[in-house]
Amino acid sequence: MKKYNFKLIKEWIQENSDKILSAELGMKEDWWWTAETVYEDGKFTKDLDAGGLLIAGIDGSKWATPVMRVTYKDETVAYKNVFEGESSGPRNPYFSLGCMSDPAQSGIDEEYAQKLIE
């Protein structure tokens, strides 16, 4: 299972905080329903050191990719993979995106492909 690596996330945000406007965490393949802001206006909105932390009710996925979407102060956007572990199962064959999440997801997929931070 791919799980959020909260230690990596916190360290990366702290190292780059002078350039960051906000940071959100979510599953790349289902961003609409899983994204949540964790850093905004120079401070954390979630305690990333807290044990059992859930982002939008989950801490990882068997098949989806935990990512961080960073908005910089110059309003550019970038993505960073922020997980530990590996996929432990395939995507549910009955999973589908809804009428609102499908258009939003296509924009995320395109942005992610172009703006991935290694």
PDB file of N, CA and C in Angstrom:
ATOM      1  N   MET A   1       0.843  -1.184   0.000  1.00  0.00           N
ATOM      2  CA  MET A   1       0.000   0.000   0.000  1.00  0.00           C
ATOM      3  C   MET A   1       0.885   1.244   0.000  1.00  0.00           C
ATOM      4  N   LYS A   2       0.509   2.216  -0.804  1.00  0.00           N
ATOM      5  CA  LYS A   2       1.199   3.506  -0.816  1.00  0.00           C
ATOM      6  C   LYS A   2       0.583   4.374   0.272  1.00  0.00           C
ATOM      7  N   LYS A   3       1.433   4.846   1.200  1.00  0.00           N
ATOM      8  CA  LYS A   3       0.965   5.689   2.301  1.00  0.00           C
ATOM      9  C   LYS A   3       1.686   7.029   2.254  1.00  0.00           C
ATOM     10  N   TYR A   4       1.007   8.066   2.719  1.00  0.00           N
ATOM     11  CA  TYR A   4       1.650   9.370   2.822  1.00  0.00           C
ATOM     12  C   TYR A   4       2.878   9.265   3.708  1.00  0.00           C
ATOM     13  N   ASN A   5       3.965   9.882   3.275  1.00  0.00           N
ATOM     14  CA  ASN A   5       5.175   9.968   4.087  1.00  0.00           C
ATOM     15  C   ASN A   5       5.180  11.370   4.717  1.00  0.00           C
ATOM     16  N   PHE A   6       4.514  11.481   5.858  1.00  0.00           N
ATOM     17  CA  PHE A   6       4.336  12.786   6.483  1.00  0.00           C
ATOM     18  C   PHE A   6       5.644  13.424   6.914  1.00  0.00           C
ATOM     19  N   LYS A   7       6.617  12.637   7.278  1.00  0.00           N
ATOM     20  CA  LYS A   7       7.932  13.184   7.655  1.00  0.00           C
ATOM     21  C   LYS A   7       8.574  13.861   6.440  1.00  0.00           C
ATOM     22  N   LEU A   8       8.585  13.190   5.312  1.00  0.00           N
ATOM     23  CA  LEU A   8       9.126  13.758   4.069  1.00  0.00           C
ATOM     24  C   LEU A   8       8.370  15.029   3.686  1.00  0.00           C
ATOM     25  N   ILE A   9       7.058  14.979   3.777  1.00  0.00           N
ATOM     26  CA  ILE A   9       6.225  16.128   3.406  1.00  0.00           C
ATOM     27  C   ILE A   9       6.578  17.336   4.269  1.00  0.00           C
ATOM     28  N   LYS A  10       6.610  17.143   5.578  1.00  0.00           N
ATOM     29  CA  LYS A  10       6.898  18.256   6.494  1.00  0.00           C
ATOM     30  C   LYS A  10       8.292  18.825   6.249  1.00  0.00           C
ATOM     31  N   GLU A  11       9.274  17.959   6.116  1.00  0.00           N
ATOM     32  CA  GLU A  11      10.646  18.427   5.876  1.00  0.00           C
ATOM     33  C   GLU A  11      10.749  19.210   4.582  1.00  0.00           C
ATOM     34  N   TRP A  12      10.116  18.715   3.516  1.00  0.00           N
ATOM     35  CA  TRP A  12      10.190  19.394   2.220  1.00  0.00           C
ATOM     36  C   TRP A  12       9.528  20.765   2.298  1.00  0.00           C
ATOM     37  N   ILE A  13       8.370  20.834   2.934  1.00  0.00           N
ATOM     38  CA  ILE A  13       7.686  22.124   3.071  1.00  0.00           C
ATOM     39  C   ILE A  13       8.539  23.092   3.888  1.00  0.00           C
ATOM     40  N   GLN A  14       9.100  22.632   5.008  1.00  0.00           N
ATOM     41  CA  GLN A  14       9.932  23.509   5.832  1.00  0.00           C
ATOM     42  C   GLN A  14      11.144  24.020   5.057  1.00  0.00           C
ATOM     43  N   GLU A  15      11.779  23.155   4.272  1.00  0.00           N
ATOM     44  CA  GLU A  15      12.957  23.559   3.491  1.00  0.00           C
ATOM     45  C   GLU A  15      12.614  24.568   2.400  1.00  0.00           C
ATOM     46  N   ASN A  16      11.379  24.571   1.942  1.00  0.00           N
ATOM     47  CA  ASN A  16      10.974  25.429   0.827  1.00  0.00           C
ATOM     48  C   ASN A  16       9.924  26.472   1.222  1.00  0.00           C
ATOM     49  N   SER A  17       9.690  26.642   2.505  1.00  0.00           N
ATOM     50  CA  SER A  17       8.591  27.490   2.984  1.00  0.00           C
ATOM     51  C   SER A  17       8.677  28.943   2.520  1.00  0.00           C
ATOM     52  N   ASP A  18       9.870  29.436   2.283  1.00  0.00           N
ATOM     53  CA  ASP A  18      10.009  30.830   1.845  1.00  0.00           C
ATOM     54  C   ASP A  18       9.447  31.059   0.441  1.00  0.00           C
ATOM     55  N   LYS A  19       9.216  29.991  -0.317  1.00  0.00           N
ATOM     56  CA  LYS A  19       8.703  30.098  -1.687  1.00  0.00           C
ATOM     57  C   LYS A  19       7.255  29.631  -1.836  1.00  0.00           C
ATOM     58  N   ILE A  20       6.700  29.005  -0.775  1.00  0.00           N
ATOM     59  CA  ILE A  20       5.410  28.326  -0.886  1.00  0.00           C
ATOM     60  C   ILE A  20       4.254  29.184  -0.366  1.00  0.00           C
ATOM     61  N   LEU A  21       3.206  29.249  -1.158  1.00  0.00           N
ATOM     62  CA  LEU A  21       1.961  29.881  -0.742  1.00  0.00           C
ATOM     63  C   LEU A  21       1.069  28.858  -0.035  1.00  0.00           C
ATOM     64  N   SER A  22       0.944  27.655  -0.648  1.00  0.00           N
ATOM     65  CA  SER A  22       0.128  26.602  -0.036  1.00  0.00           C
ATOM     66  C   SER A  22       0.566  25.230  -0.541  1.00  0.00           C
ATOM     67  N   ALA A  23       0.158  24.200   0.208  1.00  0.00           N
ATOM     68  CA  ALA A  23       0.432  22.817  -0.183  1.00  0.00           C
ATOM     69  C   ALA A  23      -0.793  21.979   0.162  1.00  0.00           C
ATOM     70  N   GLU A  24      -1.170  21.125  -0.776  1.00  0.00           N
ATOM     71  CA  GLU A  24      -2.298  20.224  -0.591  1.00  0.00           C
ATOM     72  C   GLU A  24      -1.820  18.795  -0.783  1.00  0.00           C
ATOM     73  N   LEU A  25      -2.451  17.878  -0.092  1.00  0.00           N
ATOM     74  CA  LEU A  25      -2.186  16.459  -0.280  1.00  0.00           C
ATOM     75  C   LEU A  25      -3.438  15.804  -0.830  1.00  0.00           C
ATOM     76  N   GLY A  26      -3.240  14.799  -1.682  1.00  0.00           N
ATOM     77  CA  GLY A  26      -4.371  14.061  -2.227  1.00  0.00           C
ATOM     78  C   GLY A  26      -3.889  12.916  -3.091  1.00  0.00           C
ATOM     79  N   MET A  27      -4.822  12.133  -3.577  1.00  0.00           N
ATOM     80  CA  MET A  27      -4.511  11.027  -4.478  1.00  0.00           C
ATOM     81  C   MET A  27      -4.569  11.536  -5.919  1.00  0.00           C
ATOM     82  N   LYS A  28      -3.492  11.350  -6.641  1.00  0.00           N
ATOM     83  CA  LYS A  28      -3.405  11.876  -8.000  1.00  0.00           C
ATOM     84  C   LYS A  28      -4.569  11.410  -8.866  1.00  0.00           C
ATOM     85  N   GLU A  29      -4.954  10.173  -8.751  1.00  0.00           N
ATOM     86  CA  GLU A  29      -5.969   9.612  -9.635  1.00  0.00           C
ATOM     87  C   GLU A  29      -7.411   9.933  -9.212  1.00  0.00           C
ATOM     88  N   ASP A  30      -7.591  10.576  -8.067  1.00  0.00           N
ATOM     89  CA  ASP A  30      -8.934  10.937  -7.591  1.00  0.00           C
ATOM     90  C   ASP A  30      -8.861  12.223  -6.776  1.00  0.00           C
ATOM     91  N   TRP A  31      -8.240  13.227  -7.358  1.00  0.00           N
ATOM     92  CA  TRP A  31      -7.935  14.468  -6.656  1.00  0.00           C
ATOM     93  C   TRP A  31      -9.181  15.162  -6.114  1.00  0.00           C
ATOM     94  N   TRP A  32     -10.221  15.220  -6.874  1.00  0.00           N
ATOM     95  CA  TRP A  32     -11.428  15.969  -6.508  1.00  0.00           C
ATOM     96  C   TRP A  32     -11.927  15.608  -5.113  1.00  0.00           C
ATOM     97  N   TRP A  33     -11.913  14.318  -4.769  1.00  0.00           N
ATOM     98  CA  TRP A  33     -12.475  13.855  -3.500  1.00  0.00           C
ATOM     99  C   TRP A  33     -11.438  13.657  -2.400  1.00  0.00           C
ATOM    100  N   THR A  34     -10.170  13.677  -2.727  1.00  0.00           N
ATOM    101  CA  THR A  34      -9.169  13.302  -1.726  1.00  0.00           C
ATOM    102  C   THR A  34      -8.210  14.412  -1.333  1.00  0.00           C
ATOM    103  N   ALA A  35      -8.276  15.573  -1.954  1.00  0.00           N
ATOM    104  CA  ALA A  35      -7.305  16.637  -1.678  1.00  0.00           C
ATOM    105  C   ALA A  35      -7.704  17.473  -0.464  1.00  0.00           C
ATOM    106  N   GLU A  36      -6.690  17.837   0.303  1.00  0.00           N
ATOM    107  CA  GLU A  36      -6.900  18.654   1.490  1.00  0.00           C
ATOM    108  C   GLU A  36      -5.668  19.537   1.716  1.00  0.00           C
ATOM    109  N   THR A  37      -5.878  20.787   2.077  1.00  0.00           N
ATOM    110  CA  THR A  37      -4.778  21.721   2.336  1.00  0.00           C
ATOM    111  C   THR A  37      -4.102  21.368   3.656  1.00  0.00           C
ATOM    112  N   VAL A  38      -2.755  21.325   3.615  1.00  0.00           N
ATOM    113  CA  VAL A  38      -1.990  21.034   4.831  1.00  0.00           C
ATOM    114  C   VAL A  38      -1.049  22.184   5.220  1.00  0.00           C
ATOM    115  N   TYR A  39      -0.860  23.142   4.315  1.00  0.00           N
ATOM    116  CA  TYR A  39       0.029  24.279   4.593  1.00  0.00           C
ATOM    117  C   TYR A  39      -0.513  25.484   3.839  1.00  0.00           C
ATOM    118  N   GLU A  40      -0.651  26.609   4.562  1.00  0.00           N
ATOM    119  CA  GLU A  40      -1.184  27.811   3.931  1.00  0.00           C
ATOM    120  C   GLU A  40      -0.786  29.037   4.730  1.00  0.00           C
ATOM    121  N   ASP A  41      -0.457  30.109   4.024  1.00  0.00           N
ATOM    122  CA  ASP A  41      -0.110  31.377   4.665  1.00  0.00           C
ATOM    123  C   ASP A  41       0.989  31.251   5.709  1.00  0.00           C
ATOM    124  N   GLY A  42       2.007  30.436   5.396  1.00  0.00           N
ATOM    125  CA  GLY A  42       3.166  30.325   6.262  1.00  0.00           C
ATOM    126  C   GLY A  42       3.013  29.408   7.462  1.00  0.00           C
ATOM    127  N   LYS A  43       1.921  28.629   7.514  1.00  0.00           N
ATOM    128  CA  LYS A  43       1.773  27.721   8.649  1.00  0.00           C
ATOM    129  C   LYS A  43       1.053  26.435   8.227  1.00  0.00           C
ATOM    130  N   PHE A  44       1.332  25.396   8.991  1.00  0.00           N
ATOM    131  CA  PHE A  44       0.690  24.113   8.754  1.00  0.00           C
ATOM    132  C   PHE A  44      -0.752  24.173   9.242  1.00  0.00           C
ATOM    133  N   THR A  45      -1.667  23.622   8.458  1.00  0.00           N
ATOM    134  CA  THR A  45      -3.071  23.557   8.860  1.00  0.00           C
ATOM    135  C   THR A  45      -3.416  22.180   9.417  1.00  0.00           C
ATOM    136  N   LYS A  46      -2.488  21.251   9.302  1.00  0.00           N
ATOM    137  CA  LYS A  46      -2.608  19.900   9.857  1.00  0.00           C
ATOM    138  C   LYS A  46      -1.330  19.594  10.617  1.00  0.00           C
ATOM    139  N   ASP A  47      -1.450  18.851  11.694  1.00  0.00           N
ATOM    140  CA  ASP A  47      -0.284  18.428  12.460  1.00  0.00           C
ATOM    141  C   ASP A  47       0.278  17.169  11.800  1.00  0.00           C
ATOM    142  N   LEU A  48       1.319  17.351  10.988  1.00  0.00           N
ATOM    143  CA  LEU A  48       1.885  16.232  10.239  1.00  0.00           C
ATOM    144  C   LEU A  48       2.675  15.277  11.132  1.00  0.00           C
ATOM    145  N   ASP A  49       2.888  15.646  12.387  1.00  0.00           N
ATOM    146  CA  ASP A  49       3.563  14.760  13.330  1.00  0.00           C
ATOM    147  C   ASP A  49       2.572  13.879  14.094  1.00  0.00           C
ATOM    148  N   ALA A  50       1.288  14.168  13.955  1.00  0.00           N
ATOM    149  CA  ALA A  50       0.267  13.416  14.691  1.00  0.00           C
ATOM    150  C   ALA A  50       0.164  12.001  14.147  1.00  0.00           C
ATOM    151  N   GLY A  51       0.167  11.047  15.007  1.00  0.00           N
ATOM    152  CA  GLY A  51      -0.025   9.667  14.588  1.00  0.00           C
ATOM    153  C   GLY A  51      -1.453   9.460  14.101  1.00  0.00           C
ATOM    154  N   GLY A  52      -1.625   8.607  13.121  1.00  0.00           N
ATOM    155  CA  GLY A  52      -2.960   8.291  12.623  1.00  0.00           C
ATOM    156  C   GLY A  52      -3.606   9.386  11.799  1.00  0.00           C
ATOM    157  N   LEU A  53      -2.815  10.322  11.292  1.00  0.00           N
ATOM    158  CA  LEU A  53      -3.362  11.421  10.495  1.00  0.00           C
ATOM    159  C   LEU A  53      -4.000  10.890   9.217  1.00  0.00           C
ATOM    160  N   LEU A  54      -5.187  11.384   8.920  1.00  0.00           N
ATOM    161  CA  LEU A  54      -5.894  11.030   7.692  1.00  0.00           C
ATOM    162  C   LEU A  54      -6.087  12.279   6.850  1.00  0.00           C
ATOM    163  N   ILE A  55      -5.919  12.145   5.570  1.00  0.00           N
ATOM    164  CA  ILE A  55      -6.173  13.226   4.625  1.00  0.00           C
ATOM    165  C   ILE A  55      -7.434  12.835   3.861  1.00  0.00           C
ATOM    166  N   ALA A  56      -8.472  13.644   3.996  1.00  0.00           N
ATOM    167  CA  ALA A  56      -9.778  13.335   3.392  1.00  0.00           C
ATOM    168  C   ALA A  56     -10.239  11.929   3.779  1.00  0.00           C
ATOM    169  N   GLY A  57      -9.937  11.549   5.007  1.00  0.00           N
ATOM    170  CA  GLY A  57     -10.408  10.281   5.533  1.00  0.00           C
ATOM    171  C   GLY A  57      -9.553   9.064   5.242  1.00  0.00           C
ATOM    172  N   ILE A  58      -8.411   9.244   4.563  1.00  0.00           N
ATOM    173  CA  ILE A  58      -7.547   8.106   4.233  1.00  0.00           C
ATOM    174  C   ILE A  58      -6.083   8.447   4.503  1.00  0.00           C
ATOM    175  N   ASP A  59      -5.267   7.405   4.679  1.00  0.00           N
ATOM    176  CA  ASP A  59      -3.834   7.629   4.878  1.00  0.00           C
ATOM    177  C   ASP A  59      -2.998   7.067   3.735  1.00  0.00           C
ATOM    178  N   GLY A  60      -3.652   6.486   2.745  1.00  0.00           N
ATOM    179  CA  GLY A  60      -2.949   5.921   1.608  1.00  0.00           C
ATOM    180  C   GLY A  60      -3.910   5.187   0.697  1.00  0.00           C
ATOM    181  N   SER A  61      -3.340   4.418  -0.233  1.00  0.00           N
ATOM    182  CA  SER A  61      -4.164   3.702  -1.200  1.00  0.00           C
ATOM    183  C   SER A  61      -3.447   2.462  -1.693  1.00  0.00           C
ATOM    184  N   LYS A  62      -4.223   1.441  -2.014  1.00  0.00           N
ATOM    185  CA  LYS A  62      -3.658   0.234  -2.613  1.00  0.00           C
ATOM    186  C   LYS A  62      -3.194   0.497  -4.040  1.00  0.00           C
ATOM    187  N   TRP A  63      -3.847   1.467  -4.732  1.00  0.00           N
ATOM    188  CA  TRP A  63      -3.546   1.664  -6.152  1.00  0.00           C
ATOM    189  C   TRP A  63      -3.280   3.112  -6.547  1.00  0.00           C
ATOM    190  N   ALA A  64      -3.848   4.073  -5.836  1.00  0.00           N
ATOM    191  CA  ALA A  64      -3.684   5.481  -6.212  1.00  0.00           C
ATOM    192  C   ALA A  64      -2.374   6.038  -5.636  1.00  0.00           C
ATOM    193  N   THR A  65      -1.955   7.186  -6.155  1.00  0.00           N
ATOM    194  CA  THR A  65      -0.660   7.769  -5.823  1.00  0.00           C
ATOM    195  C   THR A  65      -0.800   8.993  -4.925  1.00  0.00           C
ATOM    196  N   PRO A  66      -0.336   8.928  -3.665  1.00  0.00           N
ATOM    197  CA  PRO A  66      -0.343  10.098  -2.794  1.00  0.00           C
ATOM    198  C   PRO A  66       0.640  11.161  -3.313  1.00  0.00           C
ATOM    199  N   VAL A  67       0.118  12.355  -3.580  1.00  0.00           N
ATOM    200  CA  VAL A  67       0.949  13.442  -4.092  1.00  0.00           C
ATOM    201  C   VAL A  67       0.675  14.721  -3.315  1.00  0.00           C
ATOM    202  N   MET A  68       1.620  15.653  -3.444  1.00  0.00           N
ATOM    203  CA  MET A  68       1.472  16.982  -2.876  1.00  0.00           C
ATOM    204  C   MET A  68       1.418  17.963  -4.038  1.00  0.00           C
ATOM    205  N   ARG A  69       0.432  18.827  -4.013  1.00  0.00           N
ATOM    206  CA  ARG A  69       0.319  19.909  -5.006  1.00  0.00           C
ATOM    207  C   ARG A  69       0.768  21.183  -4.307  1.00  0.00           C
ATOM    208  N   VAL A  70       1.806  21.793  -4.835  1.00  0.00           N
ATOM    209  CA  VAL A  70       2.397  22.983  -4.232  1.00  0.00           C
ATOM    210  C   VAL A  70       2.065  24.195  -5.087  1.00  0.00           C
ATOM    211  N   THR A  71       1.550  25.228  -4.460  1.00  0.00           N
ATOM    212  CA  THR A  71       1.354  26.506  -5.139  1.00  0.00           C
ATOM    213  C   THR A  71       2.396  27.461  -4.564  1.00  0.00           C
ATOM    214  N   TYR A  72       3.228  27.966  -5.448  1.00  0.00           N
ATOM    215  CA  TYR A  72       4.296  28.871  -5.034  1.00  0.00           C
ATOM    216  C   TYR A  72       3.770  30.299  -4.943  1.00  0.00           C
ATOM    217  N   LYS A  73       4.533  31.168  -4.308  1.00  0.00           N
ATOM    218  CA  LYS A  73       4.138  32.561  -4.133  1.00  0.00           C
ATOM    219  C   LYS A  73       3.989  33.292  -5.452  1.00  0.00           C
ATOM    220  N   ASP A  74       4.686  32.819  -6.505  1.00  0.00           N
ATOM    221  CA  ASP A  74       4.514  33.434  -7.825  1.00  0.00           C
ATOM    222  C   ASP A  74       3.327  32.815  -8.576  1.00  0.00           C
ATOM    223  N   GLU A  75       2.541  31.976  -7.871  1.00  0.00           N
ATOM    224  CA  GLU A  75       1.323  31.325  -8.345  1.00  0.00           C
ATOM    225  C   GLU A  75       1.543  30.190  -9.341  1.00  0.00           C
ATOM    226  N   THR A  76       2.796  29.780  -9.548  1.00  0.00           N
ATOM    227  CA  THR A  76       3.028  28.574 -10.332  1.00  0.00           C
ATOM    228  C   THR A  76       2.701  27.366  -9.452  1.00  0.00           C
ATOM    229  N   VAL A  77       2.436  26.251 -10.107  1.00  0.00           N
ATOM    230  CA  VAL A  77       2.020  25.028  -9.419  1.00  0.00           C
ATOM    231  C   VAL A  77       2.954  23.897  -9.802  1.00  0.00           C
ATOM    232  N   ALA A  78       3.234  23.019  -8.835  1.00  0.00           N
ATOM    233  CA  ALA A  78       4.044  21.826  -9.099  1.00  0.00           C
ATOM    234  C   ALA A  78       3.530  20.688  -8.221  1.00  0.00           C
ATOM    235  N   TYR A  79       3.915  19.469  -8.587  1.00  0.00           N
ATOM    236  CA  TYR A  79       3.494  18.266  -7.861  1.00  0.00           C
ATOM    237  C   TYR A  79       4.713  17.491  -7.400  1.00  0.00           C
ATOM    238  N   LYS A  80       4.555  16.796  -6.279  1.00  0.00           N
ATOM    239  CA  LYS A  80       5.619  15.950  -5.756  1.00  0.00           C
ATOM    240  C   LYS A  80       4.994  14.656  -5.247  1.00  0.00           C
ATOM    241  N   ASN A  81       5.567  13.527  -5.661  1.00  0.00           N
ATOM    242  CA  ASN A  81       5.147  12.248  -5.095  1.00  0.00           C
ATOM    243  C   ASN A  81       5.612  12.200  -3.652  1.00  0.00           C
ATOM    244  N   VAL A  82       4.720  11.848  -2.732  1.00  0.00           N
ATOM    245  CA  VAL A  82       5.042  11.923  -1.302  1.00  0.00           C
ATOM    246  C   VAL A  82       4.599  10.654  -0.564  1.00  0.00           C
ATOM    247  N   PHE A  83       4.941   9.516  -1.137  1.00  0.00           N
ATOM    248  CA  PHE A  83       4.499   8.269  -0.521  1.00  0.00           C
ATOM    249  C   PHE A  83       5.662   7.343  -0.239  1.00  0.00           C
ATOM    250  N   GLU A  84       5.371   6.400   0.644  1.00  0.00           N
ATOM    251  CA  GLU A  84       6.272   5.290   0.894  1.00  0.00           C
ATOM    252  C   GLU A  84       5.465   4.027   0.637  1.00  0.00           C
ATOM    253  N   GLY A  85       6.148   2.953   0.252  1.00  0.00           N
ATOM    254  CA  GLY A  85       5.463   1.712  -0.054  1.00  0.00           C
ATOM    255  C   GLY A  85       5.176   1.580  -1.542  1.00  0.00           C
ATOM    256  N   GLU A  86       4.513   0.519  -1.882  1.00  0.00           N
ATOM    257  CA  GLU A  86       4.199   0.213  -3.278  1.00  0.00           C
ATOM    258  C   GLU A  86       2.716  -0.119  -3.402  1.00  0.00           C
ATOM    259  N   SER A  87       2.214  -0.061  -4.609  1.00  0.00           N
ATOM    260  CA  SER A  87       0.831  -0.475  -4.852  1.00  0.00           C
ATOM    261  C   SER A  87       0.690  -1.937  -4.449  1.00  0.00           C
ATOM    262  N   SER A  88      -0.394  -2.242  -3.767  1.00  0.00           N
ATOM    263  CA  SER A  88      -0.606  -3.614  -3.324  1.00  0.00           C
ATOM    264  C   SER A  88      -1.837  -4.237  -3.970  1.00  0.00           C
ATOM    265  N   GLY A  89      -2.393  -3.551  -4.935  1.00  0.00           N
ATOM    266  CA  GLY A  89      -3.553  -4.075  -5.630  1.00  0.00           C
ATOM    267  C   GLY A  89      -3.913  -3.197  -6.801  1.00  0.00           C
ATOM    268  N   PRO A  90      -4.735  -3.703  -7.691  1.00  0.00           N
ATOM    269  CA  PRO A  90      -5.148  -2.921  -8.856  1.00  0.00           C
ATOM    270  C   PRO A  90      -6.287  -1.967  -8.504  1.00  0.00           C
ATOM    271  N   ARG A  91      -6.495  -1.029  -9.373  1.00  0.00           N
ATOM    272  CA  ARG A  91      -7.640  -0.127  -9.244  1.00  0.00           C
ATOM    273  C   ARG A  91      -8.914  -0.955  -9.364  1.00  0.00           C
ATOM    274  N   ASN A  92      -9.882  -0.672  -8.536  1.00  0.00           N
ATOM    275  CA  ASN A  92     -11.165  -1.366  -8.580  1.00  0.00           C
ATOM    276  C   ASN A  92     -11.776  -1.179  -9.974  1.00  0.00           C
ATOM    277  N   PRO A  93     -12.164  -2.256 -10.653  1.00  0.00           N
ATOM    278  CA  PRO A  93     -12.705  -2.125 -12.008  1.00  0.00           C
ATOM    279  C   PRO A  93     -14.017  -1.340 -12.049  1.00  0.00           C
ATOM    280  N   TYR A  94     -14.679  -1.160 -10.913  1.00  0.00           N
ATOM    281  CA  TYR A  94     -15.941  -0.421 -10.864  1.00  0.00           C
ATOM    282  C   TYR A  94     -15.743   1.052 -10.520  1.00  0.00           C
ATOM    283  N   PHE A  95     -14.487   1.445 -10.249  1.00  0.00           N
ATOM    284  CA  PHE A  95     -14.190   2.843  -9.927  1.00  0.00           C
ATOM    285  C   PHE A  95     -14.401   3.704 -11.164  1.00  0.00           C
ATOM    286  N   SER A  96     -15.131   4.787 -11.001  1.00  0.00           N
ATOM    287  CA  SER A  96     -15.279   5.753 -12.091  1.00  0.00           C
ATOM    288  C   SER A  96     -15.425   7.140 -11.488  1.00  0.00           C
ATOM    289  N   LEU A  97     -15.091   8.119 -12.265  1.00  0.00           N
ATOM    290  CA  LEU A  97     -15.198   9.502 -11.822  1.00  0.00           C
ATOM    291  C   LEU A  97     -16.578  10.027 -12.189  1.00  0.00           C
ATOM    292  N   GLY A  98     -17.091  10.938 -11.385  1.00  0.00           N
ATOM    293  CA  GLY A  98     -18.415  11.501 -11.625  1.00  0.00           C
ATOM    294  C   GLY A  98     -18.388  12.690 -12.577  1.00  0.00           C
ATOM    295  N   CYS A  99     -19.560  13.266 -12.807  1.00  0.00           N
ATOM    296  CA  CYS A  99     -19.697  14.360 -13.780  1.00  0.00           C
ATOM    297  C   CYS A  99     -18.936  15.615 -13.358  1.00  0.00           C
ATOM    298  N   MET A 100     -18.710  15.814 -12.069  1.00  0.00           N
ATOM    299  CA  MET A 100     -17.940  16.974 -11.622  1.00  0.00           C
ATOM    300  C   MET A 100     -16.464  16.639 -11.479  1.00  0.00           C
ATOM    301  N   SER A 101     -16.159  15.459 -10.990  1.00  0.00           N
ATOM    302  CA  SER A 101     -14.761  15.127 -10.743  1.00  0.00           C
ATOM    303  C   SER A 101     -14.004  14.758 -12.015  1.00  0.00           C
ATOM    304  N   ASP A 102     -14.677  14.228 -13.027  1.00  0.00           N
ATOM    305  CA  ASP A 102     -13.991  13.835 -14.258  1.00  0.00           C
ATOM    306  C   ASP A 102     -13.314  15.016 -14.958  1.00  0.00           C
ATOM    307  N   PRO A 103     -13.997  16.141 -15.184  1.00  0.00           N
ATOM    308  CA  PRO A 103     -13.317  17.284 -15.815  1.00  0.00           C
ATOM    309  C   PRO A 103     -12.179  17.839 -14.958  1.00  0.00           C
ATOM    310  N   ALA A 104     -12.376  17.869 -13.645  1.00  0.00           N
ATOM    311  CA  ALA A 104     -11.318  18.361 -12.757  1.00  0.00           C
ATOM    312  C   ALA A 104     -10.111  17.440 -12.811  1.00  0.00           C
ATOM    313  N   GLN A 105     -10.358  16.141 -12.865  1.00  0.00           N
ATOM    314  CA  GLN A 105      -9.271  15.166 -12.876  1.00  0.00           C
ATOM    315  C   GLN A 105      -8.415  15.279 -14.125  1.00  0.00           C
ATOM    316  N   SER A 106      -9.022  15.539 -15.272  1.00  0.00           N
ATOM    317  CA  SER A 106      -8.225  15.636 -16.498  1.00  0.00           C
ATOM    318  C   SER A 106      -7.230  16.787 -16.409  1.00  0.00           C
ATOM    319  N   GLY A 107      -7.615  17.888 -15.752  1.00  0.00           N
ATOM    320  CA  GLY A 107      -6.692  18.995 -15.559  1.00  0.00           C
ATOM    321  C   GLY A 107      -5.548  18.634 -14.623  1.00  0.00           C
ATOM    322  N   ILE A 108      -5.853  17.878 -13.577  1.00  0.00           N
ATOM    323  CA  ILE A 108      -4.824  17.431 -12.631  1.00  0.00           C
ATOM    324  C   ILE A 108      -3.832  16.511 -13.332  1.00  0.00           C
ATOM    325  N   ASP A 109      -4.339  15.549 -14.105  1.00  0.00           N
ATOM    326  CA  ASP A 109      -3.465  14.606 -14.803  1.00  0.00           C
ATOM    327  C   ASP A 109      -2.490  15.331 -15.733  1.00  0.00           C
ATOM    328  N   GLU A 110      -2.984  16.310 -16.445  1.00  0.00           N
ATOM    329  CA  GLU A 110      -2.134  17.069 -17.376  1.00  0.00           C
ATOM    330  C   GLU A 110      -1.107  17.906 -16.618  1.00  0.00           C
ATOM    331  N   GLU A 111      -1.557  18.605 -15.580  1.00  0.00           N
ATOM    332  CA  GLU A 111      -0.649  19.427 -14.771  1.00  0.00           C
ATOM    333  C   GLU A 111       0.438  18.572 -14.128  1.00  0.00           C
ATOM    334  N   TYR A 112       0.045  17.448 -13.551  1.00  0.00           N
ATOM    335  CA  TYR A 112       0.985  16.541 -12.890  1.00  0.00           C
ATOM    336  C   TYR A 112       2.063  16.076 -13.868  1.00  0.00           C
ATOM    337  N   ALA A 113       1.651  15.687 -15.051  1.00  0.00           N
ATOM    338  CA  ALA A 113       2.595  15.183 -16.046  1.00  0.00           C
ATOM    339  C   ALA A 113       3.618  16.247 -16.440  1.00  0.00           C
ATOM    340  N   GLN A 114       3.220  17.495 -16.437  1.00  0.00           N
ATOM    341  CA  GLN A 114       4.109  18.589 -16.869  1.00  0.00           C
ATOM    342  C   GLN A 114       4.919  19.205 -15.742  1.00  0.00           C
ATOM    343  N   LYS A 115       4.455  19.074 -14.508  1.00  0.00           N
ATOM    344  CA  LYS A 115       5.050  19.838 -13.423  1.00  0.00           C
ATOM    345  C   LYS A 115       5.455  18.986 -12.220  1.00  0.00           C
ATOM    346  N   LEU A 116       5.992  17.810 -12.465  1.00  0.00           N
ATOM    347  CA  LEU A 116       6.390  16.911 -11.383  1.00  0.00           C
ATOM    348  C   LEU A 116       7.764  17.290 -10.853  1.00  0.00           C
ATOM    349  N   ILE A 117       7.860  17.483  -9.531  1.00  0.00           N
ATOM    350  CA  ILE A 117       9.125  17.753  -8.850  1.00  0.00           C
ATOM    351  C   ILE A 117       9.736  16.402  -8.471  1.00  0.00           C
ATOM    352  N   GLU A 118      10.962  16.199  -8.783  1.00  0.00           N
ATOM    353  CA  GLU A 118      11.633  14.946  -8.377  1.00  0.00           C
ATOM    354  C   GLU A 118      12.214  15.072  -6.997  1.00  0.00           C
TER     355      GLU A 118
END
